[in-house]
Amino acid sequence: MKKLLLAALLLATTPAFADETAAAVEAFYAVYGPLHVKGGGIPDATTRVRYAPVLSPRLNKQLVSAAAAQARLTAKVKNAAPPMLAGDIFSSLFEGARTWKIGACQVTGGVARCPVTLGYAPPLVAGRKAEKPFNWNDTVLLVATPQGWKVDDVIYDAGYVFGNTGRLSSMLAMVDAANL
């Protein structure tokens, strides 16, 4: 039994899985990089089309449901209330990440946990001293699908007082649960 467990653990961390999972996370950030600077909150329909190939069916569905709930609220209050989610929803930091470094993914069955070190450097403001850039860690969860590894969730690990906490999927479920 121990030999079987050891073999399964070794198989789960083979370079092939590591390459595939890291490539899936990198594909996500290749989409995220240029898109998150255009605005935060729940991505609009056009932006969701760009994210769709790198996200799991479950996460894509959650984004659609949350966007519909947000649209219902906006219509109900005639655009008099701010969005339910603002800022970058794909990282712990409201402003989002400008840099990322993917750590070693841990694969268990059809799920991979990939730590990512993210970075942000505040923009330079004339007449003010440059602020220090800062880094934090989040975890990207992947699931194996017939189309390959896809991002299924983000665990916000930074612990910022004013940042995102918990999981992306939980925030989207909260918006959808408002069921406006």
N, C-alpha and C. Protein backbone atom coordinates (compact mmCIF):
# COMPACT_ATOMS: atom_id res chain seq x y z
N MET A 1 0.82 -1.19 0.00
CA MET A 1 0.00 0.00 0.00
C MET A 1 0.87 1.26 0.00
N LYS A 2 1.93 1.26 0.85
CA LYS A 2 2.81 2.42 0.91
C LYS A 2 3.52 2.63 -0.42
N LYS A 3 3.91 1.53 -1.08
CA LYS A 3 4.58 1.65 -2.38
C LYS A 3 3.64 2.25 -3.42
N LEU A 4 2.37 1.85 -3.38
CA LEU A 4 1.39 2.41 -4.30
C LEU A 4 1.20 3.89 -4.06
N LEU A 5 1.11 4.30 -2.81
CA LEU A 5 0.94 5.71 -2.47
C LEU A 5 2.16 6.51 -2.91
N LEU A 6 3.34 5.97 -2.67
CA LEU A 6 4.56 6.64 -3.09
C LEU A 6 4.61 6.78 -4.61
N ALA A 7 4.25 5.73 -5.32
CA ALA A 7 4.23 5.78 -6.79
C ALA A 7 3.24 6.84 -7.27
N ALA A 8 2.07 6.91 -6.64
CA ALA A 8 1.07 7.91 -7.02
C ALA A 8 1.59 9.32 -6.77
N LEU A 9 2.26 9.53 -5.65
CA LEU A 9 2.82 10.85 -5.35
C LEU A 9 3.90 11.23 -6.34
N LEU A 10 4.76 10.29 -6.68
CA LEU A 10 5.81 10.56 -7.66
C LEU A 10 5.21 10.87 -9.02
N LEU A 11 4.19 10.14 -9.40
CA LEU A 11 3.54 10.36 -10.68
C LEU A 11 2.89 11.73 -10.73
N ALA A 12 2.30 12.14 -9.61
CA ALA A 12 1.60 13.42 -9.56
C ALA A 12 2.55 14.60 -9.68
N THR A 13 3.81 14.42 -9.37
CA THR A 13 4.75 15.53 -9.44
C THR A 13 5.79 15.33 -10.53
N THR A 14 5.46 14.54 -11.52
CA THR A 14 6.39 14.34 -12.62
C THR A 14 6.56 15.64 -13.40
N PRO A 15 7.71 15.81 -14.06
CA PRO A 15 7.93 17.02 -14.83
C PRO A 15 6.84 17.29 -15.87
N ALA A 16 6.26 16.23 -16.45
CA ALA A 16 5.21 16.44 -17.45
C ALA A 16 4.04 17.19 -16.83
N PHE A 17 3.59 16.77 -15.64
CA PHE A 17 2.51 17.48 -14.97
C PHE A 17 2.94 18.88 -14.60
N ALA A 18 4.16 19.00 -14.09
CA ALA A 18 4.66 20.32 -13.70
C ALA A 18 4.69 21.26 -14.89
N ASP A 19 5.16 20.78 -16.03
CA ASP A 19 5.20 21.60 -17.23
C ASP A 19 3.80 21.98 -17.69
N GLU A 20 2.86 21.03 -17.67
CA GLU A 20 1.50 21.29 -18.12
C GLU A 20 0.79 22.27 -17.20
N THR A 21 0.93 22.09 -15.89
CA THR A 21 0.23 22.97 -14.96
C THR A 21 0.84 24.37 -14.98
N ALA A 22 2.16 24.46 -14.99
CA ALA A 22 2.82 25.77 -15.07
C ALA A 22 2.44 26.48 -16.37
N ALA A 23 2.37 25.73 -17.47
CA ALA A 23 1.97 26.33 -18.75
C ALA A 23 0.53 26.84 -18.69
N ALA A 24 -0.34 26.14 -17.99
CA ALA A 24 -1.73 26.58 -17.86
C ALA A 24 -1.82 27.87 -17.05
N VAL A 25 -1.03 27.95 -15.99
CA VAL A 25 -1.03 29.17 -15.17
C VAL A 25 -0.43 30.32 -15.98
N GLU A 26 0.64 30.05 -16.70
CA GLU A 26 1.27 31.08 -17.54
C GLU A 26 0.29 31.56 -18.62
N ALA A 27 -0.48 30.64 -19.20
CA ALA A 27 -1.48 31.02 -20.21
C ALA A 27 -2.53 31.95 -19.60
N PHE A 28 -2.93 31.65 -18.36
CA PHE A 28 -3.88 32.52 -17.67
C PHE A 28 -3.30 33.92 -17.51
N TYR A 29 -2.06 34.02 -17.02
CA TYR A 29 -1.46 35.33 -16.80
C TYR A 29 -1.17 36.06 -18.11
N ALA A 30 -0.96 35.33 -19.19
CA ALA A 30 -0.79 35.97 -20.50
C ALA A 30 -2.07 36.69 -20.91
N VAL A 31 -3.22 36.15 -20.53
CA VAL A 31 -4.49 36.81 -20.79
C VAL A 31 -4.71 37.93 -19.76
N TYR A 32 -4.47 37.61 -18.50
CA TYR A 32 -4.70 38.54 -17.39
C TYR A 32 -3.88 39.82 -17.54
N GLY A 33 -2.61 39.71 -17.87
CA GLY A 33 -1.70 40.85 -17.91
C GLY A 33 -2.26 42.08 -18.60
N PRO A 34 -2.61 41.99 -19.88
CA PRO A 34 -3.12 43.19 -20.56
C PRO A 34 -4.57 43.54 -20.21
N LEU A 35 -5.34 42.58 -19.70
CA LEU A 35 -6.75 42.85 -19.47
C LEU A 35 -7.05 43.50 -18.12
N HIS A 36 -6.34 43.13 -17.08
CA HIS A 36 -6.71 43.64 -15.76
C HIS A 36 -6.45 45.13 -15.59
N VAL A 37 -5.55 45.69 -16.39
CA VAL A 37 -5.26 47.11 -16.27
C VAL A 37 -6.37 47.97 -16.86
N LYS A 38 -7.27 47.37 -17.62
CA LYS A 38 -8.37 48.12 -18.24
C LYS A 38 -9.54 48.35 -17.30
N GLY A 39 -9.53 47.73 -16.18
CA GLY A 39 -10.62 47.90 -15.22
C GLY A 39 -10.74 46.67 -14.36
N GLY A 40 -11.41 46.83 -13.27
CA GLY A 40 -11.55 45.71 -12.37
C GLY A 40 -12.98 45.23 -12.28
N GLY A 41 -13.25 44.52 -11.23
CA GLY A 41 -14.58 43.97 -11.03
C GLY A 41 -14.82 42.75 -11.89
N ILE A 42 -16.07 42.42 -12.04
CA ILE A 42 -16.45 41.26 -12.83
C ILE A 42 -16.23 41.59 -14.31
N PRO A 43 -15.49 40.77 -15.02
CA PRO A 43 -15.22 41.08 -16.44
C PRO A 43 -16.50 41.15 -17.26
N ASP A 44 -16.53 42.08 -18.21
CA ASP A 44 -17.68 42.18 -19.11
C ASP A 44 -17.65 41.02 -20.11
N ALA A 45 -18.69 40.94 -20.93
CA ALA A 45 -18.84 39.82 -21.86
C ALA A 45 -17.65 39.71 -22.81
N THR A 46 -17.17 40.81 -23.33
CA THR A 46 -16.05 40.80 -24.26
C THR A 46 -14.78 40.28 -23.57
N THR A 47 -14.54 40.74 -22.36
CA THR A 47 -13.36 40.30 -21.62
C THR A 47 -13.48 38.84 -21.22
N ARG A 48 -14.69 38.40 -20.86
CA ARG A 48 -14.89 36.98 -20.50
C ARG A 48 -14.58 36.07 -21.67
N VAL A 49 -14.84 36.50 -22.89
CA VAL A 49 -14.51 35.70 -24.07
C VAL A 49 -13.00 35.47 -24.13
N ARG A 50 -12.22 36.48 -23.77
CA ARG A 50 -10.76 36.35 -23.79
C ARG A 50 -10.27 35.40 -22.70
N TYR A 51 -10.94 35.46 -21.52
CA TYR A 51 -10.55 34.58 -20.41
C TYR A 51 -11.04 33.15 -20.60
N ALA A 52 -12.14 32.96 -21.30
CA ALA A 52 -12.81 31.65 -21.37
C ALA A 52 -11.88 30.47 -21.67
N PRO A 53 -10.96 30.56 -22.63
CA PRO A 53 -10.12 29.39 -22.93
C PRO A 53 -9.18 28.95 -21.81
N VAL A 54 -8.89 29.83 -20.86
CA VAL A 54 -7.94 29.48 -19.81
C VAL A 54 -8.63 29.18 -18.47
N LEU A 55 -9.95 29.34 -18.42
CA LEU A 55 -10.71 29.09 -17.20
C LEU A 55 -11.52 27.82 -17.32
N SER A 56 -11.79 27.21 -16.19
CA SER A 56 -12.60 25.99 -16.16
C SER A 56 -14.05 26.33 -16.51
N PRO A 57 -14.81 25.34 -16.98
CA PRO A 57 -16.23 25.58 -17.23
C PRO A 57 -16.95 26.12 -15.99
N ARG A 58 -16.61 25.61 -14.82
CA ARG A 58 -17.26 26.06 -13.58
C ARG A 58 -16.98 27.53 -13.31
N LEU A 59 -15.73 27.96 -13.44
CA LEU A 59 -15.39 29.35 -13.18
C LEU A 59 -15.98 30.27 -14.25
N ASN A 60 -15.97 29.82 -15.51
CA ASN A 60 -16.62 30.61 -16.56
C ASN A 60 -18.10 30.81 -16.24
N LYS A 61 -18.76 29.75 -15.80
CA LYS A 61 -20.19 29.84 -15.47
C LYS A 61 -20.42 30.80 -14.30
N GLN A 62 -19.55 30.74 -13.30
CA GLN A 62 -19.67 31.65 -12.15
C GLN A 62 -19.51 33.10 -12.58
N LEU A 63 -18.59 33.38 -13.47
CA LEU A 63 -18.39 34.75 -13.95
C LEU A 63 -19.62 35.25 -14.70
N VAL A 64 -20.22 34.40 -15.51
CA VAL A 64 -21.44 34.78 -16.25
C VAL A 64 -22.57 35.06 -15.27
N SER A 65 -22.76 34.20 -14.28
CA SER A 65 -23.84 34.38 -13.30
C SER A 65 -23.64 35.65 -12.48
N ALA A 66 -22.41 35.89 -12.05
CA ALA A 66 -22.12 37.09 -11.25
C ALA A 66 -22.32 38.35 -12.09
N ALA A 67 -21.93 38.32 -13.36
CA ALA A 67 -22.13 39.47 -14.24
C ALA A 67 -23.62 39.75 -14.43
N ALA A 68 -24.41 38.69 -14.56
CA ALA A 68 -25.86 38.86 -14.71
C ALA A 68 -26.47 39.47 -13.44
N ALA A 69 -26.02 39.01 -12.28
CA ALA A 69 -26.51 39.58 -11.01
C ALA A 69 -26.13 41.04 -10.90
N GLN A 70 -24.91 41.37 -11.30
CA GLN A 70 -24.47 42.78 -11.27
C GLN A 70 -25.31 43.62 -12.22
N ALA A 71 -25.59 43.10 -13.41
CA ALA A 71 -26.42 43.84 -14.38
C ALA A 71 -27.82 44.08 -13.84
N ARG A 72 -28.39 43.07 -13.17
CA ARG A 72 -29.72 43.24 -12.58
C ARG A 72 -29.71 44.34 -11.52
N LEU A 73 -28.68 44.35 -10.68
CA LEU A 73 -28.58 45.39 -9.65
C LEU A 73 -28.45 46.77 -10.29
N THR A 74 -27.57 46.88 -11.27
CA THR A 74 -27.35 48.16 -11.94
C THR A 74 -28.66 48.67 -12.54
N ALA A 75 -29.42 47.79 -13.18
CA ALA A 75 -30.71 48.19 -13.77
C ALA A 75 -31.71 48.57 -12.69
N LYS A 76 -31.75 47.81 -11.63
CA LYS A 76 -32.71 48.03 -10.55
C LYS A 76 -32.50 49.40 -9.89
N VAL A 77 -31.25 49.78 -9.68
CA VAL A 77 -30.97 51.05 -9.00
C VAL A 77 -30.62 52.15 -10.00
N LYS A 78 -30.88 51.89 -11.26
CA LYS A 78 -30.64 52.86 -12.33
C LYS A 78 -29.22 53.44 -12.27
N ASN A 79 -28.26 52.54 -12.12
CA ASN A 79 -26.84 52.87 -12.12
C ASN A 79 -26.43 53.79 -10.98
N ALA A 80 -27.20 53.79 -9.89
CA ALA A 80 -26.92 54.68 -8.75
C ALA A 80 -26.07 54.02 -7.67
N ALA A 81 -25.66 52.80 -7.86
CA ALA A 81 -24.84 52.10 -6.87
C ALA A 81 -23.55 51.61 -7.53
N PRO A 82 -22.47 51.56 -6.77
CA PRO A 82 -21.23 51.04 -7.34
C PRO A 82 -21.34 49.54 -7.58
N PRO A 83 -20.44 48.99 -8.38
CA PRO A 83 -20.46 47.54 -8.60
C PRO A 83 -20.26 46.78 -7.29
N MET A 84 -20.82 45.57 -7.22
CA MET A 84 -20.66 44.75 -6.02
C MET A 84 -19.21 44.35 -5.82
N LEU A 85 -18.48 44.13 -6.89
CA LEU A 85 -17.05 43.83 -6.82
C LEU A 85 -16.31 44.89 -7.60
N ALA A 86 -15.30 45.47 -6.98
CA ALA A 86 -14.48 46.48 -7.65
C ALA A 86 -13.03 46.06 -7.52
N GLY A 87 -12.21 46.58 -8.39
CA GLY A 87 -10.80 46.24 -8.36
C GLY A 87 -10.54 44.89 -8.98
N ASP A 88 -9.30 44.47 -8.89
CA ASP A 88 -8.88 43.21 -9.50
C ASP A 88 -9.45 42.03 -8.72
N ILE A 89 -10.21 41.19 -9.39
CA ILE A 89 -10.78 40.02 -8.71
C ILE A 89 -9.88 38.78 -8.84
N PHE A 90 -8.85 38.85 -9.65
CA PHE A 90 -7.99 37.69 -9.87
C PHE A 90 -6.73 37.70 -8.99
N SER A 91 -6.64 38.67 -8.07
CA SER A 91 -5.51 38.69 -7.12
C SER A 91 -5.96 39.31 -5.82
N SER A 92 -5.12 39.20 -4.80
CA SER A 92 -5.42 39.78 -3.49
C SER A 92 -5.44 41.30 -3.50
N LEU A 93 -4.68 41.90 -4.38
CA LEU A 93 -4.51 43.35 -4.37
C LEU A 93 -5.52 44.04 -5.29
N PHE A 94 -6.18 45.07 -4.78
CA PHE A 94 -7.18 45.83 -5.53
C PHE A 94 -6.63 46.29 -6.88
N GLU A 95 -5.39 46.78 -6.88
CA GLU A 95 -4.78 47.30 -8.11
C GLU A 95 -4.34 46.21 -9.08
N GLY A 96 -4.25 45.00 -8.61
CA GLY A 96 -3.82 43.89 -9.46
C GLY A 96 -2.32 43.74 -9.50
N ALA A 97 -1.87 42.74 -10.18
CA ALA A 97 -0.44 42.43 -10.27
C ALA A 97 0.13 42.91 -11.60
N ARG A 98 1.38 43.30 -11.56
CA ARG A 98 2.09 43.67 -12.78
C ARG A 98 3.11 42.60 -13.16
N THR A 99 3.53 41.84 -12.15
CA THR A 99 4.50 40.77 -12.39
C THR A 99 4.03 39.51 -11.66
N TRP A 100 4.51 38.36 -12.13
CA TRP A 100 4.18 37.10 -11.47
C TRP A 100 5.27 36.08 -11.73
N LYS A 101 5.44 35.23 -10.75
CA LYS A 101 6.39 34.12 -10.87
C LYS A 101 5.68 32.89 -10.32
N ILE A 102 5.56 31.89 -11.15
CA ILE A 102 4.83 30.68 -10.80
C ILE A 102 5.76 29.72 -10.07
N GLY A 103 5.28 29.25 -8.91
CA GLY A 103 6.05 28.28 -8.14
C GLY A 103 5.75 26.86 -8.61
N ALA A 104 6.24 25.90 -7.87
CA ALA A 104 6.04 24.49 -8.21
C ALA A 104 4.61 24.07 -7.85
N CYS A 105 3.88 23.62 -8.84
CA CYS A 105 2.50 23.18 -8.64
C CYS A 105 2.49 21.80 -7.99
N GLN A 106 1.55 21.61 -7.09
CA GLN A 106 1.35 20.31 -6.45
C GLN A 106 0.07 19.71 -7.02
N VAL A 107 0.17 18.53 -7.61
CA VAL A 107 -0.96 17.89 -8.26
C VAL A 107 -1.45 16.73 -7.41
N THR A 108 -2.74 16.73 -7.14
CA THR A 108 -3.39 15.62 -6.45
C THR A 108 -4.61 15.25 -7.27
N GLY A 109 -4.54 14.09 -7.89
CA GLY A 109 -5.65 13.69 -8.76
C GLY A 109 -5.78 14.67 -9.91
N GLY A 110 -6.98 15.20 -10.10
CA GLY A 110 -7.23 16.14 -11.19
C GLY A 110 -7.20 17.58 -10.75
N VAL A 111 -6.55 17.88 -9.61
CA VAL A 111 -6.49 19.25 -9.09
C VAL A 111 -5.02 19.62 -8.86
N ALA A 112 -4.65 20.82 -9.24
CA ALA A 112 -3.30 21.33 -9.01
C ALA A 112 -3.38 22.64 -8.23
N ARG A 113 -2.50 22.77 -7.25
CA ARG A 113 -2.36 24.01 -6.47
C ARG A 113 -1.04 24.63 -6.86
N CYS A 114 -1.11 25.84 -7.41
CA CYS A 114 0.09 26.49 -7.91
C CYS A 114 0.32 27.81 -7.18
N PRO A 115 1.36 27.88 -6.35
CA PRO A 115 1.66 29.15 -5.69
C PRO A 115 2.23 30.13 -6.71
N VAL A 116 1.82 31.38 -6.57
CA VAL A 116 2.30 32.41 -7.48
C VAL A 116 2.74 33.62 -6.65
N THR A 117 3.95 34.09 -6.90
CA THR A 117 4.42 35.32 -6.28
C THR A 117 4.08 36.44 -7.25
N LEU A 118 3.29 37.39 -6.75
CA LEU A 118 2.82 38.50 -7.57
C LEU A 118 3.49 39.79 -7.11
N GLY A 119 3.59 40.74 -8.02
CA GLY A 119 4.22 42.01 -7.68
C GLY A 119 3.48 43.19 -8.26
N TYR A 120 3.59 44.31 -7.56
CA TYR A 120 2.98 45.55 -8.01
C TYR A 120 3.90 46.70 -7.63
N ALA A 121 4.14 47.60 -8.56
CA ALA A 121 4.90 48.81 -8.29
C ALA A 121 3.97 49.99 -8.53
N PRO A 122 3.71 50.77 -7.48
CA PRO A 122 2.84 51.93 -7.65
C PRO A 122 3.40 52.86 -8.71
N PRO A 123 2.52 53.52 -9.47
CA PRO A 123 3.00 54.43 -10.51
C PRO A 123 3.74 55.63 -9.89
N LEU A 124 4.68 56.15 -10.63
CA LEU A 124 5.42 57.33 -10.18
C LEU A 124 4.51 58.55 -10.28
N VAL A 125 4.54 59.36 -9.25
CA VAL A 125 3.75 60.59 -9.22
C VAL A 125 4.72 61.75 -9.12
N ALA A 126 4.58 62.71 -10.03
CA ALA A 126 5.48 63.86 -10.05
C ALA A 126 5.46 64.57 -8.70
N GLY A 127 6.65 64.90 -8.22
CA GLY A 127 6.76 65.64 -6.97
C GLY A 127 6.71 64.77 -5.72
N ARG A 128 6.53 63.46 -5.88
CA ARG A 128 6.48 62.57 -4.71
C ARG A 128 7.57 61.52 -4.84
N LYS A 129 8.01 61.09 -3.68
CA LYS A 129 9.01 60.04 -3.63
C LYS A 129 8.39 58.73 -4.15
N ALA A 130 9.16 57.99 -4.93
CA ALA A 130 8.67 56.71 -5.47
C ALA A 130 8.33 55.77 -4.32
N GLU A 131 7.19 55.13 -4.41
CA GLU A 131 6.79 54.15 -3.41
C GLU A 131 7.47 52.82 -3.71
N LYS A 132 7.72 52.07 -2.65
CA LYS A 132 8.36 50.76 -2.82
C LYS A 132 7.40 49.79 -3.51
N PRO A 133 7.93 49.00 -4.45
CA PRO A 133 7.11 47.92 -5.00
C PRO A 133 6.91 46.86 -3.91
N PHE A 134 5.88 46.09 -4.04
CA PHE A 134 5.67 45.03 -3.07
C PHE A 134 5.21 43.76 -3.75
N ASN A 135 5.44 42.66 -3.05
CA ASN A 135 5.13 41.33 -3.56
C ASN A 135 4.23 40.61 -2.56
N TRP A 136 3.47 39.67 -3.06
CA TRP A 136 2.62 38.84 -2.21
C TRP A 136 2.43 37.50 -2.91
N ASN A 137 1.83 36.58 -2.21
CA ASN A 137 1.58 35.25 -2.78
C ASN A 137 0.09 34.96 -2.80
N ASP A 138 -0.37 34.43 -3.90
CA ASP A 138 -1.71 33.86 -4.03
C ASP A 138 -1.52 32.44 -4.54
N THR A 139 -2.58 31.66 -4.51
CA THR A 139 -2.52 30.30 -5.02
C THR A 139 -3.57 30.15 -6.12
N VAL A 140 -3.14 29.68 -7.27
CA VAL A 140 -4.05 29.41 -8.39
C VAL A 140 -4.38 27.92 -8.36
N LEU A 141 -5.67 27.62 -8.36
CA LEU A 141 -6.13 26.23 -8.41
C LEU A 141 -6.51 25.89 -9.85
N LEU A 142 -6.00 24.77 -10.30
CA LEU A 142 -6.31 24.27 -11.65
C LEU A 142 -7.08 22.97 -11.54
N VAL A 143 -7.89 22.69 -12.55
CA VAL A 143 -8.53 21.38 -12.66
C VAL A 143 -8.20 20.81 -14.03
N ALA A 144 -8.10 19.50 -14.07
CA ALA A 144 -7.87 18.81 -15.33
C ALA A 144 -9.20 18.70 -16.06
N THR A 145 -9.23 19.14 -17.29
CA THR A 145 -10.43 19.04 -18.13
C THR A 145 -10.04 18.29 -19.40
N PRO A 146 -11.01 17.88 -20.20
CA PRO A 146 -10.66 17.24 -21.48
C PRO A 146 -9.82 18.14 -22.39
N GLN A 147 -9.89 19.45 -22.17
CA GLN A 147 -9.11 20.39 -22.97
C GLN A 147 -7.79 20.76 -22.30
N GLY A 148 -7.44 20.09 -21.21
CA GLY A 148 -6.19 20.38 -20.50
C GLY A 148 -6.47 21.05 -19.17
N TRP A 149 -5.41 21.50 -18.51
CA TRP A 149 -5.53 22.15 -17.21
C TRP A 149 -6.11 23.54 -17.38
N LYS A 150 -7.08 23.88 -16.52
CA LYS A 150 -7.73 25.19 -16.58
C LYS A 150 -7.80 25.79 -15.17
N VAL A 151 -7.72 27.11 -15.09
CA VAL A 151 -7.84 27.80 -13.81
C VAL A 151 -9.28 27.64 -13.31
N ASP A 152 -9.40 27.15 -12.07
CA ASP A 152 -10.72 26.91 -11.48
C ASP A 152 -11.00 27.82 -10.29
N ASP A 153 -9.97 28.42 -9.72
CA ASP A 153 -10.18 29.29 -8.56
C ASP A 153 -8.87 29.99 -8.24
N VAL A 154 -8.97 31.05 -7.43
CA VAL A 154 -7.80 31.73 -6.90
C VAL A 154 -8.00 31.83 -5.40
N ILE A 155 -7.00 31.42 -4.65
CA ILE A 155 -7.03 31.58 -3.20
C ILE A 155 -6.18 32.80 -2.89
N TYR A 156 -6.82 33.79 -2.28
CA TYR A 156 -6.12 35.03 -1.94
C TYR A 156 -5.33 34.79 -0.66
N ASP A 157 -4.01 34.83 -0.76
CA ASP A 157 -3.14 34.50 0.38
C ASP A 157 -2.44 35.70 0.99
N ALA A 158 -2.59 36.89 0.43
CA ALA A 158 -1.77 38.02 0.86
C ALA A 158 -2.11 38.51 2.26
N GLY A 159 -3.37 38.49 2.64
CA GLY A 159 -3.76 38.96 3.96
C GLY A 159 -3.77 40.47 4.10
N TYR A 160 -3.95 41.20 3.00
CA TYR A 160 -4.05 42.66 3.08
C TYR A 160 -5.35 43.06 3.77
N VAL A 161 -5.28 44.11 4.57
CA VAL A 161 -6.46 44.59 5.29
C VAL A 161 -7.56 44.98 4.31
N PHE A 162 -7.19 45.67 3.23
CA PHE A 162 -8.19 46.15 2.29
C PHE A 162 -8.20 45.33 1.00
N GLY A 163 -7.56 44.19 1.00
CA GLY A 163 -7.50 43.36 -0.19
C GLY A 163 -8.54 42.26 -0.19
N ASN A 164 -8.54 41.49 -1.24
CA ASN A 164 -9.44 40.33 -1.33
C ASN A 164 -8.97 39.26 -0.35
N THR A 165 -9.94 38.58 0.24
CA THR A 165 -9.64 37.47 1.14
C THR A 165 -10.50 36.27 0.74
N GLY A 166 -10.07 35.11 1.15
CA GLY A 166 -10.84 33.91 0.83
C GLY A 166 -10.51 33.40 -0.56
N ARG A 167 -11.58 33.17 -1.33
CA ARG A 167 -11.43 32.62 -2.69
C ARG A 167 -12.23 33.43 -3.70
N LEU A 168 -11.76 33.46 -4.91
CA LEU A 168 -12.48 34.10 -6.00
C LEU A 168 -13.86 33.48 -6.15
N SER A 169 -13.95 32.16 -6.14
CA SER A 169 -15.24 31.50 -6.33
C SER A 169 -16.24 31.88 -5.25
N SER A 170 -15.78 32.10 -4.03
CA SER A 170 -16.67 32.50 -2.94
C SER A 170 -17.20 33.91 -3.16
N MET A 171 -16.34 34.82 -3.64
CA MET A 171 -16.79 36.18 -3.93
C MET A 171 -17.84 36.18 -5.04
N LEU A 172 -17.60 35.39 -6.08
CA LEU A 172 -18.56 35.33 -7.18
C LEU A 172 -19.87 34.71 -6.73
N ALA A 173 -19.80 33.70 -5.87
CA ALA A 173 -21.01 33.06 -5.34
C ALA A 173 -21.80 34.05 -4.49
N MET A 174 -21.11 34.91 -3.75
CA MET A 174 -21.78 35.92 -2.94
C MET A 174 -22.55 36.89 -3.83
N VAL A 175 -21.95 37.33 -4.92
CA VAL A 175 -22.63 38.23 -5.84
C VAL A 175 -23.85 37.55 -6.45
N ASP A 176 -23.67 36.30 -6.87
CA ASP A 176 -24.76 35.56 -7.47
C ASP A 176 -25.88 35.30 -6.46
N ALA A 177 -25.51 35.07 -5.21
CA ALA A 177 -26.51 34.77 -4.17
C ALA A 177 -27.39 35.98 -3.88
N ALA A 178 -26.89 37.18 -4.20
CA ALA A 178 -27.72 38.37 -4.02
C ALA A 178 -28.99 38.25 -4.86
N ASN A 179 -28.90 37.50 -5.98
CA ASN A 179 -30.04 37.13 -6.82
C ASN A 179 -31.02 38.27 -7.03
N LEU A 180 -30.48 39.37 -7.45
CA LEU A 180 -31.30 40.59 -7.60
C LEU A 180 -32.23 40.52 -8.77
